[in-house]
C-alpha atoms as a PDB file:
ATOM      1  CA  MET A   1       0.000   0.000   0.000  1.00  0.00           C
ATOM      2  CA  ALA A   2       1.314   3.443  -0.892  1.00  0.00           C
ATOM      3  CA  ALA A   3       1.776   6.355   1.499  1.00  0.00           C
ATOM      4  CA  LEU A   4      -1.178   8.688   2.064  1.00  0.00           C
ATOM      5  CA  THR A   5      -1.732  11.582  -0.303  1.00  0.00           C
ATOM      6  CA  ALA A   6      -4.892  12.791   1.490  1.00  0.00           C
ATOM      7  CA  ASP A   7      -6.501  12.641   4.930  1.00  0.00           C
ATOM      8  CA  ARG A   8      -7.603   9.209   6.105  1.00  0.00           C
ATOM      9  CA  ASP A   9     -10.348   8.250   8.565  1.00  0.00           C
ATOM     10  CA  THR A  10      -8.230   5.701  10.429  1.00  0.00           C
ATOM     11  CA  PRO A  11     -10.316   3.333  12.587  1.00  0.00           C
ATOM     12  CA  ARG A  12      -9.691   3.608  16.320  1.00  0.00           C
ATOM     13  CA  ARG A  13     -10.080   0.969  18.989  1.00  0.00           C
ATOM     14  CA  ALA A  14      -9.927   1.546  22.735  1.00  0.00           C
ATOM     15  CA  VAL A  15      -7.053  -0.473  24.115  1.00  0.00           C
ATOM     16  CA  THR A  16      -8.660  -1.284  27.424  1.00  0.00           C
ATOM     17  CA  THR A  17     -10.273  -4.689  26.898  1.00  0.00           C
ATOM     18  CA  PHE A  18      -9.240  -7.692  24.843  1.00  0.00           C
ATOM     19  CA  THR A  19     -10.405 -11.268  24.466  1.00  0.00           C
ATOM     20  CA  ASP A  20      -7.437 -13.595  24.255  1.00  0.00           C
ATOM     21  CA  PRO A  21      -7.184 -17.332  23.568  1.00  0.00           C
ATOM     22  CA  VAL A  22      -5.954 -19.234  26.635  1.00  0.00           C
ATOM     23  CA  ALA A  23      -3.079 -21.728  26.707  1.00  0.00           C
ATOM     24  CA  ALA A  24      -4.158 -25.343  27.145  1.00  0.00           C
ATOM     25  CA  GLY A  25      -4.753 -26.200  30.800  1.00  0.00           C
ATOM     26  CA  ALA A  26      -3.868 -22.715  32.093  1.00  0.00           C
ATOM     27  CA  VAL A  27      -5.848 -21.674  35.186  1.00  0.00           C
ATOM     28  CA  ILE A  28      -6.459 -17.925  35.246  1.00  0.00           C
ATOM     29  CA  HIS A  29      -8.273 -16.445  38.246  1.00  0.00           C
ATOM     30  CA  ALA A  30     -10.363 -13.276  37.995  1.00  0.00           C
ATOM     31  CA  GLY A  31      -8.130 -10.357  38.949  1.00  0.00           C
ATOM     32  CA  ALA A  32      -4.925 -12.197  38.014  1.00  0.00           C
ATOM     33  CA  LEU A  33      -2.041 -10.603  36.166  1.00  0.00           C
ATOM     34  CA  VAL A  34      -2.207 -12.096  32.666  1.00  0.00           C
ATOM     35  CA  MET A  35       0.692 -12.511  30.261  1.00  0.00           C
ATOM     36  CA  LEU A  36       0.916 -13.890  26.725  1.00  0.00           C
ATOM     37  CA  ASP A  37       3.257 -16.803  26.086  1.00  0.00           C
ATOM     38  CA  ALA A  38       5.597 -16.973  23.083  1.00  0.00           C
ATOM     39  CA  ASP A  39       2.731 -18.262  20.908  1.00  0.00           C
ATOM     40  CA  GLY A  40       0.340 -15.470  21.964  1.00  0.00           C
ATOM     41  CA  TYR A  41      -1.821 -17.513  24.352  1.00  0.00           C
ATOM     42  CA  ALA A  42      -2.951 -16.100  27.701  1.00  0.00           C
ATOM     43  CA  VAL A  43      -1.332 -17.542  30.820  1.00  0.00           C
ATOM     44  CA  PRO A  44      -1.224 -16.422  34.450  1.00  0.00           C
ATOM     45  CA  ALA A  45       1.894 -14.383  35.194  1.00  0.00           C
ATOM     46  CA  ALA A  46       4.737 -16.435  36.640  1.00  0.00           C
ATOM     47  CA  THR A  47       8.475 -16.340  37.133  1.00  0.00           C
ATOM     48  CA  ALA A  48       9.427 -17.074  33.528  1.00  0.00           C
ATOM     49  CA  THR A  49      11.083 -15.371  30.581  1.00  0.00           C
ATOM     50  CA  GLY A  50       9.574 -14.708  27.172  1.00  0.00           C
ATOM     51  CA  LEU A  51       6.180 -13.571  28.477  1.00  0.00           C
ATOM     52  CA  THR A  52       4.451 -10.406  27.232  1.00  0.00           C
ATOM     53  CA  PRO A  53       2.297  -8.369  29.637  1.00  0.00           C
ATOM     54  CA  ARG A  54      -1.390  -8.195  28.728  1.00  0.00           C
ATOM     55  CA  GLY A  55      -3.409  -6.949  31.742  1.00  0.00           C
ATOM     56  CA  ARG A  56      -5.782  -8.109  34.488  1.00  0.00           C
ATOM     57  CA  ALA A  57      -8.195 -11.016  34.008  1.00  0.00           C
ATOM     58  CA  ALA A  58     -11.804  -9.811  34.061  1.00  0.00           C
ATOM     59  CA  GLU A  59     -13.044 -13.360  34.634  1.00  0.00           C
ATOM     60  CA  ALA A  60     -11.862 -16.766  35.818  1.00  0.00           C
ATOM     61  CA  VAL A  61     -11.157 -19.428  33.188  1.00  0.00           C
ATOM     62  CA  THR A  62      -9.435 -22.778  32.799  1.00  0.00           C
ATOM     63  CA  GLY A  63      -7.835 -23.512  29.450  1.00  0.00           C
ATOM     64  CA  GLY A  64      -9.167 -26.452  27.458  1.00  0.00           C
ATOM     65  CA  GLY A  65      -7.358 -29.462  26.065  1.00  0.00           C
ATOM     66  CA  ALA A  66      -5.746 -27.442  23.290  1.00  0.00           C
ATOM     67  CA  ASP A  67      -4.401 -23.915  23.005  1.00  0.00           C
ATOM     68  CA  GLY A  68      -7.224 -21.506  22.176  1.00  0.00           C
ATOM     69  CA  ASP A  69     -10.150 -23.771  23.149  1.00  0.00           C
ATOM     70  CA  VAL A  70     -11.150 -21.127  25.726  1.00  0.00           C
ATOM     71  CA  THR A  71     -10.845 -17.322  25.767  1.00  0.00           C
ATOM     72  CA  VAL A  72     -10.419 -14.835  28.609  1.00  0.00           C
ATOM     73  CA  ARG A  73     -11.394 -11.166  28.831  1.00  0.00           C
ATOM     74  CA  VAL A  74      -8.380  -9.095  29.828  1.00  0.00           C
ATOM     75  CA  GLU A  75      -8.385  -5.428  30.870  1.00  0.00           C
ATOM     76  CA  ARG A  76      -5.476  -3.049  30.401  1.00  0.00           C
ATOM     77  CA  GLY A  77      -4.900  -0.213  32.842  1.00  0.00           C
ATOM     78  CA  CYS A  78      -3.135   0.616  36.088  1.00  0.00           C
ATOM     79  CA  PHE A  79      -3.660  -2.034  38.769  1.00  0.00           C
ATOM     80  CA  ARG A  80      -2.384  -2.606  42.311  1.00  0.00           C
ATOM     81  CA  TRP A  81      -0.348  -5.786  42.784  1.00  0.00           C
ATOM     82  CA  ALA A  82       1.372  -7.291  45.810  1.00  0.00           C
ATOM     83  CA  ASN A  83       4.932  -6.116  46.425  1.00  0.00           C
ATOM     84  CA  SER A  84       7.932  -8.422  46.724  1.00  0.00           C
ATOM     85  CA  SER A  85      10.208  -8.243  49.743  1.00  0.00           C
ATOM     86  CA  GLY A  86      13.926  -8.006  50.397  1.00  0.00           C
ATOM     87  CA  ALA A  87      16.127  -7.015  47.469  1.00  0.00           C
ATOM     88  CA  ASP A  88      13.143  -7.278  45.096  1.00  0.00           C
ATOM     89  CA  GLU A  89      10.887  -4.918  47.058  1.00  0.00           C
ATOM     90  CA  ILE A  90       9.608  -2.003  45.001  1.00  0.00           C
ATOM     91  CA  THR A  91       9.941   1.469  46.562  1.00  0.00           C
ATOM     92  CA  ARG A  92       8.986   4.964  45.451  1.00  0.00           C
ATOM     93  CA  ALA A  93      12.471   5.234  43.924  1.00  0.00           C
ATOM     94  CA  HIS A  94      11.324   2.681  41.310  1.00  0.00           C
ATOM     95  CA  ILE A  95       8.401   4.771  40.010  1.00  0.00           C
ATOM     96  CA  GLY A  96       8.685   4.936  36.217  1.00  0.00           C
ATOM     97  CA  ALA A  97      10.785   1.760  36.005  1.00  0.00           C
ATOM     98  CA  ALA A  98       9.730  -1.673  34.797  1.00  0.00           C
ATOM     99  CA  ALA A  99       8.020  -4.092  37.180  1.00  0.00           C
ATOM    100  CA  TYR A 100       8.736  -7.815  36.829  1.00  0.00           C
ATOM    101  CA  ALA A 101       6.217 -10.626  37.312  1.00  0.00           C
ATOM    102  CA  VAL A 102       6.825 -13.012  40.209  1.00  0.00           C
ATOM    103  CA  ASP A 103       3.426 -14.708  40.013  1.00  0.00           C
ATOM    104  CA  ASP A 104      -0.123 -13.768  39.010  1.00  0.00           C
ATOM    105  CA  GLN A 105      -0.460 -11.221  41.831  1.00  0.00           C
ATOM    106  CA  THR A 106       3.090 -10.241  42.847  1.00  0.00           C
ATOM    107  CA  VAL A 107       5.615  -7.924  41.193  1.00  0.00           C
ATOM    108  CA  ALA A 108       9.305  -7.263  41.814  1.00  0.00           C
ATOM    109  CA  ALA A 109      11.886  -4.552  41.182  1.00  0.00           C
ATOM    110  CA  THR A 110      14.325  -6.880  39.405  1.00  0.00           C
ATOM    111  CA  ASP A 111      14.272  -9.513  36.702  1.00  0.00           C
ATOM    112  CA  GLY A 112      15.496 -12.092  39.211  1.00  0.00           C
ATOM    113  CA  THR A 113      18.868 -12.454  37.432  1.00  0.00           C
ATOM    114  CA  GLY A 114      17.210 -13.069  34.093  1.00  0.00           C
ATOM    115  CA  THR A 115      14.365 -15.335  35.271  1.00  0.00           C
ATOM    116  CA  ARG A 116      11.403 -12.921  35.121  1.00  0.00           C
ATOM    117  CA  SER A 117       9.532 -11.065  32.394  1.00  0.00           C
ATOM    118  CA  ALA A 118       8.711  -7.367  32.618  1.00  0.00           C
ATOM    119  CA  CYS A 119       4.989  -6.881  33.212  1.00  0.00           C
ATOM    120  CA  GLY A 120       4.478  -3.119  33.044  1.00  0.00           C
ATOM    121  CA  THR A 121       5.567   0.271  34.338  1.00  0.00           C
ATOM    122  CA  ILE A 122       5.559   1.154  38.041  1.00  0.00           C
ATOM    123  CA  ARG A 123       3.304   4.191  38.528  1.00  0.00           C
ATOM    124  CA  ASP A 124       2.958   4.366  42.337  1.00  0.00           C
ATOM    125  CA  VAL A 125       3.688   2.524  45.572  1.00  0.00           C
ATOM    126  CA  ASP A 126       1.509   2.588  48.682  1.00  0.00           C
ATOM    127  CA  ALA A 127       1.093   0.579  51.884  1.00  0.00           C
ATOM    128  CA  GLN A 128      -1.153  -1.945  50.103  1.00  0.00           C
ATOM    129  CA  GLY A 129       1.056  -2.627  47.097  1.00  0.00           C
ATOM    130  CA  VAL A 130       2.443  -1.443  43.787  1.00  0.00           C
ATOM    131  CA  TRP A 131       0.441   0.312  41.065  1.00  0.00           C
ATOM    132  CA  VAL A 132       1.597  -0.997  37.701  1.00  0.00           C
ATOM    133  CA  GLU A 133       0.398   0.192  34.307  1.00  0.00           C
ATOM    134  CA  VAL A 134      -0.098  -2.869  32.137  1.00  0.00           C
END
């Protein structure tokens, strides 16, 4: 397709809700941090590399016998997750940096020496947890 030579009414889609196919056998709880695996299937966040952040599960689902047998509604936005502790604890000094998935409800300040995938951008930290934009 050639470059534009006139104005174009480009379709727009809100990037707040998606329906993604779920990996076979994956158990995703409502409210869980959801990632996409290397093949683009939804999985609960976990300590693993090669995952792409997707958002928060709007419903609970269990994947079927094959990839894509089931779908899950996923919301993008800024959500509060549990904070890690020790060297991985997120503080206000980390605001604006990447958060890394520990599990489907916990985030960390580091990639765990190359064992974790980034899951979003740290936007705030409070006594209840870490606000991450996914």
